C-alpha atoms as a PDB file:
ATOM      1  CA  UNK A   1     -11.725  62.301 -37.411  1.00  0.00           C
ATOM      2  CA  UNK A   2     -10.277  58.976 -36.513  1.00  0.00           C
ATOM      3  CA  UNK A   3     -12.369  56.091 -34.780  1.00  0.00           C
ATOM      4  CA  UNK A   4      -9.358  53.654 -33.967  1.00  0.00           C
ATOM      5  CA  UNK A   5      -9.437  49.845 -31.552  1.00  0.00           C
ATOM      6  CA  UNK A   6      -7.243  47.040 -32.345  1.00  0.00           C
ATOM      7  CA  UNK A   7      -9.988  45.337 -33.943  1.00  0.00           C
ATOM      8  CA  UNK A   8     -11.426  48.474 -36.402  1.00  0.00           C
ATOM      9  CA  UNK A   9     -10.564  51.792 -37.693  1.00  0.00           C
ATOM     10  CA  UNK A  10     -11.826  54.464 -39.550  1.00  0.00           C
ATOM     11  CA  UNK A  11      -9.976  57.258 -40.910  1.00  0.00           C
ATOM     12  CA  UNK A  12     -11.667  60.391 -42.636  1.00  0.00           C
ATOM     13  CA  UNK A  13      -9.889  60.675 -45.932  1.00  0.00           C
ATOM     14  CA  UNK A  14     -10.265  64.665 -46.981  1.00  0.00           C
ATOM     15  CA  UNK A  15      -8.077  64.586 -49.859  1.00  0.00           C
ATOM     16  CA  UNK A  16      -5.057  62.969 -52.175  1.00  0.00           C
ATOM     17  CA  UNK A  17      -2.245  63.789 -49.692  1.00  0.00           C
ATOM     18  CA  UNK A  18      -4.771  62.473 -46.926  1.00  0.00           C
ATOM     19  CA  UNK A  19      -4.909  59.030 -49.334  1.00  0.00           C
ATOM     20  CA  UNK A  20      -1.377  59.304 -50.184  1.00  0.00           C
ATOM     21  CA  UNK A  21      -0.053  59.779 -46.392  1.00  0.00           C
ATOM     22  CA  UNK A  22      -2.542  56.424 -44.826  1.00  0.00           C
ATOM     23  CA  UNK A  23      -0.741  53.847 -47.253  1.00  0.00           C
ATOM     24  CA  UNK A  24       2.316  55.638 -46.427  1.00  0.00           C
ATOM     25  CA  UNK A  25       0.956  54.295 -43.162  1.00  0.00           C
ATOM     26  CA  UNK A  26       0.059  50.615 -44.195  1.00  0.00           C
ATOM     27  CA  UNK A  27       2.950  50.664 -45.863  1.00  0.00           C
ATOM     28  CA  UNK A  28       4.803  50.874 -42.889  1.00  0.00           C
ATOM     29  CA  UNK A  29       3.681  48.177 -40.968  1.00  0.00           C
ATOM     30  CA  UNK A  30       2.979  44.959 -44.014  1.00  0.00           C
ATOM     31  CA  UNK A  31       5.622  42.414 -44.223  1.00  0.00           C
ATOM     32  CA  UNK A  32       6.363  39.525 -46.558  1.00  0.00           C
ATOM     33  CA  UNK A  33       3.441  37.588 -47.744  1.00  0.00           C
ATOM     34  CA  UNK A  34       1.108  39.978 -46.017  1.00  0.00           C
ATOM     35  CA  UNK A  35      -2.458  40.205 -47.783  1.00  0.00           C
ATOM     36  CA  UNK A  36      -4.003  43.519 -48.234  1.00  0.00           C
ATOM     37  CA  UNK A  37      -7.764  44.083 -49.618  1.00  0.00           C
ATOM     38  CA  UNK A  38      -8.983  47.290 -51.050  1.00  0.00           C
ATOM     39  CA  UNK A  39     -12.484  47.646 -51.360  1.00  0.00           C
ATOM     40  CA  UNK A  40     -14.634  50.601 -52.263  1.00  0.00           C
ATOM     41  CA  UNK A  41     -17.167  51.978 -55.243  1.00  0.00           C
ATOM     42  CA  UNK A  42     -15.526  53.065 -58.946  1.00  0.00           C
ATOM     43  CA  UNK A  43     -13.387  55.857 -58.322  1.00  0.00           C
ATOM     44  CA  UNK A  44     -13.602  55.639 -54.116  1.00  0.00           C
ATOM     45  CA  UNK A  45      -9.471  55.763 -54.698  1.00  0.00           C
ATOM     46  CA  UNK A  46      -8.388  51.768 -54.144  1.00  0.00           C
ATOM     47  CA  UNK A  47      -5.845  52.543 -56.652  1.00  0.00           C
ATOM     48  CA  UNK A  48      -4.340  55.669 -55.631  1.00  0.00           C
ATOM     49  CA  UNK A  49      -4.188  54.175 -51.907  1.00  0.00           C
ATOM     50  CA  UNK A  50      -2.308  51.641 -53.490  1.00  0.00           C
ATOM     51  CA  UNK A  51       0.106  53.741 -55.506  1.00  0.00           C
ATOM     52  CA  UNK A  52       0.742  55.399 -52.286  1.00  0.00           C
ATOM     53  CA  UNK A  53       1.347  51.888 -50.839  1.00  0.00           C
ATOM     54  CA  UNK A  54       3.631  50.743 -54.235  1.00  0.00           C
ATOM     55  CA  UNK A  55       5.516  53.901 -53.415  1.00  0.00           C
ATOM     56  CA  UNK A  56       6.446  53.432 -49.904  1.00  0.00           C
ATOM     57  CA  UNK A  57       6.905  50.247 -49.641  1.00  0.00           C
ATOM     58  CA  UNK A  58       9.383  50.392 -52.942  1.00  0.00           C
ATOM     59  CA  UNK A  59      10.946  53.676 -51.604  1.00  0.00           C
ATOM     60  CA  UNK A  60       9.996  55.262 -54.823  1.00  0.00           C
ATOM     61  CA  UNK A  61       7.578  58.437 -55.012  1.00  0.00           C
ATOM     62  CA  UNK A  62       7.960  58.645 -58.706  1.00  0.00           C
ATOM     63  CA  UNK A  63       7.399  55.254 -59.364  1.00  0.00           C
ATOM     64  CA  UNK A  64       5.221  54.770 -61.739  1.00  0.00           C
ATOM     65  CA  UNK A  65       2.288  52.715 -60.450  1.00  0.00           C
ATOM     66  CA  UNK A  66      -0.738  51.927 -62.980  1.00  0.00           C
ATOM     67  CA  UNK A  67      -3.791  50.379 -62.731  1.00  0.00           C
ATOM     68  CA  UNK A  68      -3.814  47.252 -62.890  1.00  0.00           C
ATOM     69  CA  UNK A  69      -7.612  46.825 -64.762  1.00  0.00           C
ATOM     70  CA  UNK A  70      -6.275  45.546 -67.969  1.00  0.00           C
ATOM     71  CA  UNK A  71      -3.301  43.151 -66.855  1.00  0.00           C
ATOM     72  CA  UNK A  72      -4.951  41.621 -64.162  1.00  0.00           C
ATOM     73  CA  UNK A  73      -1.306  41.644 -62.255  1.00  0.00           C
ATOM     74  CA  UNK A  74       1.062  44.072 -62.034  1.00  0.00           C
ATOM     75  CA  UNK A  75       4.281  42.771 -60.389  1.00  0.00           C
ATOM     76  CA  UNK A  76       6.730  45.148 -58.586  1.00  0.00           C
ATOM     77  CA  UNK A  77      10.587  44.038 -57.088  1.00  0.00           C
ATOM     78  CA  UNK A  78      12.926  46.201 -55.615  1.00  0.00           C
ATOM     79  CA  UNK A  79      14.211  47.451 -51.929  1.00  0.00           C
ATOM     80  CA  UNK A  80      14.339  43.937 -51.350  1.00  0.00           C
ATOM     81  CA  UNK A  81      10.017  43.915 -51.581  1.00  0.00           C
ATOM     82  CA  UNK A  82       8.252  41.731 -54.229  1.00  0.00           C
ATOM     83  CA  UNK A  83       5.071  42.590 -54.261  1.00  0.00           C
ATOM     84  CA  UNK A  84       1.468  41.818 -56.877  1.00  0.00           C
ATOM     85  CA  UNK A  85      -0.730  44.319 -57.449  1.00  0.00           C
ATOM     86  CA  UNK A  86      -3.799  42.766 -58.816  1.00  0.00           C
ATOM     87  CA  UNK A  87      -7.020  43.998 -59.573  1.00  0.00           C
ATOM     88  CA  UNK A  88     -10.017  41.650 -59.608  1.00  0.00           C
ATOM     89  CA  UNK A  89     -12.949  43.770 -61.682  1.00  0.00           C
ATOM     90  CA  UNK A  90     -12.959  42.034 -64.792  1.00  0.00           C
ATOM     91  CA  UNK A  91     -13.074  38.630 -63.749  1.00  0.00           C
ATOM     92  CA  UNK A  92     -16.207  36.637 -63.551  1.00  0.00           C
ATOM     93  CA  UNK A  93     -15.705  34.061 -61.323  1.00  0.00           C
ATOM     94  CA  UNK A  94     -13.715  33.469 -58.771  1.00  0.00           C
ATOM     95  CA  UNK A  95     -11.930  30.658 -59.489  1.00  0.00           C
ATOM     96  CA  UNK A  96      -9.958  32.457 -61.782  1.00  0.00           C
ATOM     97  CA  UNK A  97      -8.162  34.597 -59.310  1.00  0.00           C
ATOM     98  CA  UNK A  98      -5.915  30.663 -58.844  1.00  0.00           C
ATOM     99  CA  UNK A  99      -4.959  31.022 -62.233  1.00  0.00           C
ATOM    100  CA  UNK A 100      -3.184  34.383 -61.165  1.00  0.00           C
ATOM    101  CA  UNK A 101      -0.206  32.954 -59.156  1.00  0.00           C
ATOM    102  CA  UNK A 102      -0.932  35.626 -56.744  1.00  0.00           C
ATOM    103  CA  UNK A 103      -0.108  33.052 -53.341  1.00  0.00           C
ATOM    104  CA  UNK A 104       2.719  31.158 -55.420  1.00  0.00           C
ATOM    105  CA  UNK A 105       5.178  32.910 -53.436  1.00  0.00           C
ATOM    106  CA  UNK A 106       4.812  32.913 -49.435  1.00  0.00           C
ATOM    107  CA  UNK A 107       6.781  36.051 -49.480  1.00  0.00           C
ATOM    108  CA  UNK A 108       5.342  38.271 -52.142  1.00  0.00           C
ATOM    109  CA  UNK A 109       2.891  41.020 -50.649  1.00  0.00           C
ATOM    110  CA  UNK A 110      -0.164  41.064 -52.547  1.00  0.00           C
ATOM    111  CA  UNK A 111      -2.891  43.980 -53.032  1.00  0.00           C
ATOM    112  CA  UNK A 112      -6.117  43.384 -54.214  1.00  0.00           C
ATOM    113  CA  UNK A 113      -8.409  46.208 -55.948  1.00  0.00           C
ATOM    114  CA  UNK A 114     -12.206  44.269 -55.483  1.00  0.00           C
ATOM    115  CA  UNK A 115     -11.328  41.228 -53.465  1.00  0.00           C
ATOM    116  CA  UNK A 116     -15.110  41.426 -53.222  1.00  0.00           C
ATOM    117  CA  UNK A 117     -14.820  38.933 -56.482  1.00  0.00           C
ATOM    118  CA  UNK A 118     -13.152  36.206 -54.779  1.00  0.00           C
ATOM    119  CA  UNK A 119     -14.916  35.897 -51.855  1.00  0.00           C
ATOM    120  CA  UNK A 120     -12.638  32.999 -50.144  1.00  0.00           C
ATOM    121  CA  UNK A 121     -10.052  35.588 -49.464  1.00  0.00           C
ATOM    122  CA  UNK A 122     -11.815  37.379 -47.068  1.00  0.00           C
ATOM    123  CA  UNK A 123     -10.752  35.409 -43.852  1.00  0.00           C
ATOM    124  CA  UNK A 124      -7.254  35.193 -45.124  1.00  0.00           C
ATOM    125  CA  UNK A 125      -7.033  39.404 -45.378  1.00  0.00           C
ATOM    126  CA  UNK A 126      -4.241  40.631 -42.979  1.00  0.00           C
ATOM    127  CA  UNK A 127      -6.090  44.197 -43.971  1.00  0.00           C
ATOM    128  CA  UNK A 128      -8.942  45.236 -45.695  1.00  0.00           C
ATOM    129  CA  UNK A 129      -9.390  48.420 -46.445  1.00  0.00           C
ATOM    130  CA  UNK A 130     -13.019  49.617 -47.379  1.00  0.00           C
ATOM    131  CA  UNK A 131     -13.187  53.105 -48.709  1.00  0.00           C
ATOM    132  CA  UNK A 132     -16.596  54.830 -49.146  1.00  0.00           C
ATOM    133  CA  UNK A 133     -17.786  58.255 -49.644  1.00  0.00           C
ATOM    134  CA  UNK A 134     -17.732  60.372 -46.519  1.00  0.00           C
ATOM    135  CA  UNK A 135     -20.672  62.842 -45.682  1.00  0.00           C
ATOM    136  CA  UNK A 136     -18.556  66.017 -47.319  1.00  0.00           C
ATOM    137  CA  UNK A 137     -18.920  65.877 -50.850  1.00  0.00           C
ATOM    138  CA  UNK A 138     -14.600  65.123 -50.827  1.00  0.00           C
ATOM    139  CA  UNK A 139     -14.304  63.350 -48.819  1.00  0.00           C
ATOM    140  CA  UNK A 140     -13.913  59.613 -47.957  1.00  0.00           C
ATOM    141  CA  UNK A 141     -13.985  57.049 -44.598  1.00  0.00           C
ATOM    142  CA  UNK A 142     -11.234  54.277 -44.720  1.00  0.00           C
ATOM    143  CA  UNK A 143     -12.437  51.851 -42.651  1.00  0.00           C
ATOM    144  CA  UNK A 144      -9.730  49.728 -41.714  1.00  0.00           C
ATOM    145  CA  UNK A 145      -9.874  45.732 -40.162  1.00  0.00           C
ATOM    146  CA  UNK A 146      -7.482  42.664 -39.898  1.00  0.00           C
ATOM    147  CA  UNK A 147      -9.612  39.939 -40.293  1.00  0.00           C
ATOM    148  CA  UNK A 148      -5.840  37.682 -39.819  1.00  0.00           C
ATOM    149  CA  UNK A 149      -5.271  39.178 -36.526  1.00  0.00           C
ATOM    150  CA  UNK A 150      -1.578  40.379 -38.064  1.00  0.00           C
ATOM    151  CA  UNK A 151      -1.963  44.321 -38.121  1.00  0.00           C
ATOM    152  CA  UNK A 152      -3.278  46.355 -35.665  1.00  0.00           C
ATOM    153  CA  UNK A 153      -5.956  48.700 -37.492  1.00  0.00           C
ATOM    154  CA  UNK A 154      -4.817  51.120 -34.201  1.00  0.00           C
ATOM    155  CA  UNK A 155      -1.734  51.640 -34.875  1.00  0.00           C
ATOM    156  CA  UNK A 156      -1.769  52.018 -38.272  1.00  0.00           C
ATOM    157  CA  UNK A 157      -4.704  55.109 -37.957  1.00  0.00           C
ATOM    158  CA  UNK A 158      -2.761  56.619 -34.808  1.00  0.00           C
ATOM    159  CA  UNK A 159       0.474  56.761 -37.242  1.00  0.00           C
ATOM    160  CA  UNK A 160      -1.132  59.642 -38.876  1.00  0.00           C
END
């Protein structure tokens, strides 16, 4: 099921392959300096989605993409792209995000898991993906929105 418009889209994801397809569709639309926020409960699939985005952007399906939960930020460079994958889960205060240097290079693509730890990022996001449990026990629902208006969520959904 896909419910789509330019402003927001809801996409049903039934398995890990669906998560990978969504990640590839998102990656195909990202450009330099874009900010992607990945929201959802523990185990919602944020890291799996980030992994698919990183692998697609860097053109390496076998690339090791660990969760940055302990390192806080995992940098990637390749395929002409600079990317930072951050996880704010362990941060105690929003002010700590400024110390991470995520926005030092305006051409770097930034993926953030647990962005709720720094609400100031929400309005600047080019894409917010909220992952929720779907009605089926195994499925997920991905709700896409673009607060900055730089991405057409309907086009991302239509490409799946």
